[in-house]
Amino acid sequence: MADGSGEFEAIAEHYGMHELTEDEIMTAEPGKQVAAESVMISTSLRLPKPVMDEVRRRARERGVKPTAIMREWIEAAIADLDEPVPLSVITAAVAEYQHRKAS
């Protein structure tokens, strides 16, 4: 198809079936598979101020952003015991252990 509509339809069909980050969308190639664990989805979360203040405090102690520490906690909470534990979860657990030990 000289007008490129066939290529456009193939691209639309492929990416209509996958969720991608904005960066992946901008650099994606048709037909290239993106690993599911590399796709990040944004969500909104409402927390009581004292809870968010504590999240921020713990994140500061670890030198990470609050969203990173929340992601680690969520990953740890839903980790499948039969699957390998992500390194970020192990790192978070070690840091939390060291913090509690020092307190």
N, C-alpha and C. Protein backbone atom coordinates (compact mmCIF):
# COMPACT_ATOMS: atom_id res chain seq x y z
N MET A 1 0.84 -1.19 0.00
CA MET A 1 0.00 0.00 0.00
C MET A 1 0.87 1.23 0.00
N ALA A 2 0.84 1.94 -1.06
CA ALA A 2 1.73 3.08 -1.26
C ALA A 2 1.46 4.23 -0.29
N ASP A 3 0.21 4.35 0.18
CA ASP A 3 -0.10 5.48 1.05
C ASP A 3 0.31 5.24 2.51
N GLY A 4 0.81 4.05 2.83
CA GLY A 4 1.28 3.78 4.19
C GLY A 4 0.18 3.39 5.16
N SER A 5 -1.07 3.32 4.71
CA SER A 5 -2.16 3.01 5.64
C SER A 5 -2.06 1.61 6.19
N GLY A 6 -1.53 0.66 5.41
CA GLY A 6 -1.35 -0.70 5.92
C GLY A 6 -0.36 -0.74 7.06
N GLU A 7 0.73 0.02 6.93
CA GLU A 7 1.72 0.10 8.00
C GLU A 7 1.13 0.76 9.23
N PHE A 8 0.37 1.82 9.02
CA PHE A 8 -0.27 2.52 10.13
C PHE A 8 -1.22 1.58 10.88
N GLU A 9 -2.01 0.81 10.15
CA GLU A 9 -2.95 -0.13 10.77
C GLU A 9 -2.22 -1.19 11.56
N ALA A 10 -1.09 -1.68 11.04
CA ALA A 10 -0.30 -2.69 11.76
C ALA A 10 0.25 -2.11 13.06
N ILE A 11 0.72 -0.88 13.00
CA ILE A 11 1.23 -0.22 14.20
C ILE A 11 0.11 -0.02 15.21
N ALA A 12 -1.02 0.48 14.76
CA ALA A 12 -2.16 0.71 15.65
C ALA A 12 -2.63 -0.59 16.29
N GLU A 13 -2.68 -1.65 15.51
CA GLU A 13 -3.13 -2.94 16.04
C GLU A 13 -2.16 -3.44 17.10
N HIS A 14 -0.86 -3.38 16.80
CA HIS A 14 0.14 -3.85 17.76
C HIS A 14 0.07 -3.08 19.07
N TYR A 15 0.11 -1.75 18.99
CA TYR A 15 0.15 -0.96 20.21
C TYR A 15 -1.21 -0.79 20.87
N GLY A 16 -2.28 -1.17 20.19
CA GLY A 16 -3.58 -1.21 20.82
C GLY A 16 -3.69 -2.36 21.80
N MET A 17 -2.76 -3.31 21.70
CA MET A 17 -2.78 -4.48 22.56
C MET A 17 -1.77 -4.39 23.71
N HIS A 18 -0.99 -3.33 23.79
CA HIS A 18 0.06 -3.22 24.79
C HIS A 18 0.00 -1.86 25.47
N GLU A 19 0.28 -1.82 26.78
CA GLU A 19 0.39 -0.56 27.50
C GLU A 19 1.86 -0.17 27.53
N LEU A 20 2.17 1.04 27.15
CA LEU A 20 3.55 1.49 27.09
C LEU A 20 3.72 2.80 27.84
N THR A 21 4.95 3.04 28.30
CA THR A 21 5.26 4.33 28.89
C THR A 21 5.37 5.35 27.76
N GLU A 22 5.35 6.61 28.09
CA GLU A 22 5.46 7.66 27.06
C GLU A 22 6.77 7.54 26.29
N ASP A 23 7.88 7.26 27.00
CA ASP A 23 9.17 7.10 26.33
C ASP A 23 9.15 5.93 25.36
N GLU A 24 8.52 4.82 25.75
CA GLU A 24 8.45 3.66 24.88
C GLU A 24 7.59 3.95 23.65
N ILE A 25 6.55 4.71 23.85
CA ILE A 25 5.69 5.07 22.71
C ILE A 25 6.47 5.90 21.71
N MET A 26 7.28 6.84 22.22
CA MET A 26 8.02 7.73 21.33
C MET A 26 9.12 7.01 20.57
N THR A 27 9.67 5.91 21.13
CA THR A 27 10.79 5.23 20.49
C THR A 27 10.44 3.83 20.00
N ALA A 28 9.18 3.45 20.10
CA ALA A 28 8.78 2.07 19.78
C ALA A 28 8.90 1.76 18.30
N GLU A 29 9.18 0.49 18.04
CA GLU A 29 9.23 -0.02 16.68
C GLU A 29 8.13 -1.04 16.51
N PRO A 30 7.39 -1.00 15.41
CA PRO A 30 6.32 -1.98 15.19
C PRO A 30 6.88 -3.40 15.22
N GLY A 31 6.15 -4.29 15.86
CA GLY A 31 6.53 -5.69 15.91
C GLY A 31 7.52 -6.02 17.02
N LYS A 32 8.09 -5.02 17.66
CA LYS A 32 9.05 -5.25 18.74
C LYS A 32 8.28 -5.47 20.04
N GLN A 33 8.55 -6.56 20.70
CA GLN A 33 7.88 -6.86 21.96
C GLN A 33 8.54 -6.07 23.10
N VAL A 34 7.73 -5.56 24.00
CA VAL A 34 8.21 -4.85 25.17
C VAL A 34 7.93 -5.74 26.37
N ALA A 35 8.95 -5.98 27.19
CA ALA A 35 8.79 -6.83 28.36
C ALA A 35 7.76 -6.22 29.31
N ALA A 36 6.81 -7.01 29.75
CA ALA A 36 5.73 -6.53 30.61
C ALA A 36 6.27 -5.86 31.87
N GLU A 37 7.36 -6.40 32.45
CA GLU A 37 7.88 -5.83 33.68
C GLU A 37 8.54 -4.47 33.47
N SER A 38 8.81 -4.08 32.22
CA SER A 38 9.40 -2.77 31.97
C SER A 38 8.35 -1.69 31.74
N VAL A 39 7.10 -2.07 31.59
CA VAL A 39 6.03 -1.11 31.37
C VAL A 39 5.55 -0.60 32.73
N MET A 40 5.56 0.71 32.90
CA MET A 40 5.12 1.31 34.15
C MET A 40 3.80 2.05 33.91
N ILE A 41 2.86 1.83 34.79
CA ILE A 41 1.55 2.45 34.70
C ILE A 41 1.42 3.45 35.84
N SER A 42 1.00 4.65 35.54
CA SER A 42 0.78 5.67 36.57
C SER A 42 -0.60 5.51 37.17
N THR A 43 -0.69 5.80 38.45
CA THR A 43 -1.98 5.76 39.13
C THR A 43 -2.00 6.85 40.18
N SER A 44 -3.18 7.23 40.57
CA SER A 44 -3.35 8.25 41.59
C SER A 44 -3.71 7.55 42.90
N LEU A 45 -3.15 8.02 44.00
CA LEU A 45 -3.38 7.40 45.29
C LEU A 45 -3.59 8.49 46.32
N ARG A 46 -4.69 8.40 47.04
CA ARG A 46 -4.97 9.39 48.09
C ARG A 46 -4.63 8.76 49.43
N LEU A 47 -3.77 9.44 50.18
CA LEU A 47 -3.36 8.96 51.49
C LEU A 47 -3.58 10.06 52.53
N PRO A 48 -3.85 9.68 53.77
CA PRO A 48 -3.92 10.69 54.83
C PRO A 48 -2.57 11.39 54.96
N LYS A 49 -2.58 12.66 55.27
CA LYS A 49 -1.35 13.44 55.36
C LYS A 49 -0.31 12.81 56.28
N PRO A 50 -0.69 12.35 57.49
CA PRO A 50 0.32 11.73 58.35
C PRO A 50 0.99 10.50 57.72
N VAL A 51 0.23 9.73 56.96
CA VAL A 51 0.79 8.56 56.29
C VAL A 51 1.78 9.00 55.22
N MET A 52 1.41 9.98 54.41
CA MET A 52 2.30 10.45 53.35
C MET A 52 3.54 11.11 53.95
N ASP A 53 3.37 11.81 55.07
CA ASP A 53 4.53 12.40 55.73
C ASP A 53 5.53 11.31 56.16
N GLU A 54 5.02 10.20 56.66
CA GLU A 54 5.88 9.09 57.07
C GLU A 54 6.54 8.43 55.86
N VAL A 55 5.80 8.30 54.77
CA VAL A 55 6.37 7.75 53.54
C VAL A 55 7.53 8.64 53.09
N ARG A 56 7.31 9.94 53.08
CA ARG A 56 8.36 10.88 52.67
C ARG A 56 9.58 10.79 53.58
N ARG A 57 9.34 10.68 54.90
CA ARG A 57 10.43 10.59 55.86
C ARG A 57 11.27 9.34 55.59
N ARG A 58 10.60 8.21 55.41
CA ARG A 58 11.33 6.96 55.15
C ARG A 58 12.06 7.00 53.81
N ALA A 59 11.45 7.62 52.84
CA ALA A 59 12.10 7.74 51.53
C ALA A 59 13.36 8.60 51.64
N ARG A 60 13.26 9.71 52.37
CA ARG A 60 14.41 10.59 52.58
C ARG A 60 15.56 9.83 53.25
N GLU A 61 15.23 9.02 54.26
CA GLU A 61 16.25 8.24 54.97
C GLU A 61 16.99 7.30 54.01
N ARG A 62 16.26 6.77 53.07
CA ARG A 62 16.84 5.82 52.12
C ARG A 62 17.43 6.50 50.89
N GLY A 63 17.17 7.80 50.73
CA GLY A 63 17.68 8.52 49.58
C GLY A 63 16.96 8.20 48.29
N VAL A 64 15.66 7.89 48.40
CA VAL A 64 14.85 7.59 47.22
C VAL A 64 13.62 8.48 47.22
N LYS A 65 12.92 8.49 46.11
CA LYS A 65 11.68 9.25 46.03
C LYS A 65 10.56 8.49 46.73
N PRO A 66 9.57 9.20 47.26
CA PRO A 66 8.44 8.52 47.90
C PRO A 66 7.75 7.50 46.98
N THR A 67 7.62 7.84 45.70
CA THR A 67 6.97 6.90 44.79
C THR A 67 7.78 5.62 44.63
N ALA A 68 9.11 5.72 44.68
CA ALA A 68 9.96 4.54 44.55
C ALA A 68 9.79 3.62 45.76
N ILE A 69 9.74 4.19 46.95
CA ILE A 69 9.60 3.36 48.14
C ILE A 69 8.20 2.74 48.20
N MET A 70 7.19 3.48 47.78
CA MET A 70 5.83 2.91 47.75
C MET A 70 5.77 1.76 46.75
N ARG A 71 6.41 1.93 45.60
CA ARG A 71 6.43 0.86 44.59
C ARG A 71 7.10 -0.38 45.16
N GLU A 72 8.21 -0.20 45.89
CA GLU A 72 8.90 -1.34 46.51
C GLU A 72 7.99 -2.05 47.51
N TRP A 73 7.28 -1.29 48.32
CA TRP A 73 6.40 -1.90 49.32
C TRP A 73 5.26 -2.68 48.65
N ILE A 74 4.71 -2.10 47.61
CA ILE A 74 3.62 -2.79 46.90
C ILE A 74 4.14 -4.06 46.24
N GLU A 75 5.30 -3.97 45.59
CA GLU A 75 5.88 -5.15 44.96
C GLU A 75 6.12 -6.25 46.00
N ALA A 76 6.61 -5.86 47.17
CA ALA A 76 6.88 -6.84 48.23
C ALA A 76 5.57 -7.45 48.73
N ALA A 77 4.53 -6.64 48.83
CA ALA A 77 3.26 -7.13 49.35
C ALA A 77 2.58 -8.13 48.41
N ILE A 78 2.82 -7.99 47.12
CA ILE A 78 2.14 -8.88 46.17
C ILE A 78 3.08 -9.90 45.54
N ALA A 79 4.31 -9.97 46.06
CA ALA A 79 5.30 -10.89 45.48
C ALA A 79 4.79 -12.33 45.54
N ASP A 80 4.94 -13.02 44.44
CA ASP A 80 4.61 -14.44 44.34
C ASP A 80 5.77 -15.21 44.95
N LEU A 81 5.50 -16.01 45.95
CA LEU A 81 6.56 -16.72 46.65
C LEU A 81 7.28 -17.74 45.77
N ASP A 82 6.68 -18.12 44.65
CA ASP A 82 7.31 -19.07 43.73
C ASP A 82 8.15 -18.37 42.66
N GLU A 83 8.11 -17.04 42.61
CA GLU A 83 8.86 -16.27 41.63
C GLU A 83 10.06 -15.61 42.29
N PRO A 84 11.11 -15.32 41.53
CA PRO A 84 12.26 -14.60 42.11
C PRO A 84 11.82 -13.23 42.62
N VAL A 85 12.40 -12.81 43.71
CA VAL A 85 12.08 -11.51 44.29
C VAL A 85 12.88 -10.44 43.55
N PRO A 86 12.22 -9.35 43.10
CA PRO A 86 12.94 -8.28 42.41
C PRO A 86 14.03 -7.68 43.31
N LEU A 87 15.15 -7.32 42.71
CA LEU A 87 16.26 -6.75 43.46
C LEU A 87 15.84 -5.51 44.24
N SER A 88 14.95 -4.72 43.68
CA SER A 88 14.51 -3.50 44.37
C SER A 88 13.80 -3.84 45.68
N VAL A 89 13.10 -4.96 45.72
CA VAL A 89 12.40 -5.37 46.93
C VAL A 89 13.41 -5.85 47.98
N ILE A 90 14.41 -6.60 47.53
CA ILE A 90 15.45 -7.07 48.45
C ILE A 90 16.21 -5.88 49.04
N THR A 91 16.56 -4.93 48.18
CA THR A 91 17.27 -3.73 48.63
C THR A 91 16.43 -2.97 49.65
N ALA A 92 15.15 -2.83 49.40
CA ALA A 92 14.25 -2.13 50.32
C ALA A 92 14.18 -2.86 51.66
N ALA A 93 14.11 -4.19 51.62
CA ALA A 93 14.03 -4.97 52.86
C ALA A 93 15.31 -4.83 53.68
N VAL A 94 16.45 -4.84 53.02
CA VAL A 94 17.73 -4.68 53.72
C VAL A 94 17.80 -3.30 54.36
N ALA A 95 17.43 -2.29 53.61
CA ALA A 95 17.47 -0.91 54.14
C ALA A 95 16.53 -0.76 55.33
N GLU A 96 15.35 -1.33 55.24
CA GLU A 96 14.38 -1.25 56.34
C GLU A 96 14.92 -1.98 57.56
N TYR A 97 15.52 -3.14 57.35
CA TYR A 97 16.10 -3.91 58.45
C TYR A 97 17.21 -3.11 59.13
N GLN A 98 18.11 -2.52 58.33
CA GLN A 98 19.21 -1.74 58.89
C GLN A 98 18.70 -0.54 59.65
N HIS A 99 17.65 0.09 59.14
CA HIS A 99 17.07 1.25 59.82
C HIS A 99 16.49 0.84 61.18
N ARG A 100 15.75 -0.25 61.19
CA ARG A 100 15.14 -0.71 62.46
C ARG A 100 16.21 -1.14 63.45
N LYS A 101 17.26 -1.77 62.97
CA LYS A 101 18.35 -2.23 63.82
C LYS A 101 19.06 -1.04 64.47
N ALA A 102 19.22 0.04 63.69
CA ALA A 102 19.91 1.23 64.17
C ALA A 102 19.06 2.04 65.16
N SER A 103 17.75 1.86 65.11
CA SER A 103 16.85 2.66 65.98
C SER A 103 16.84 2.17 67.41
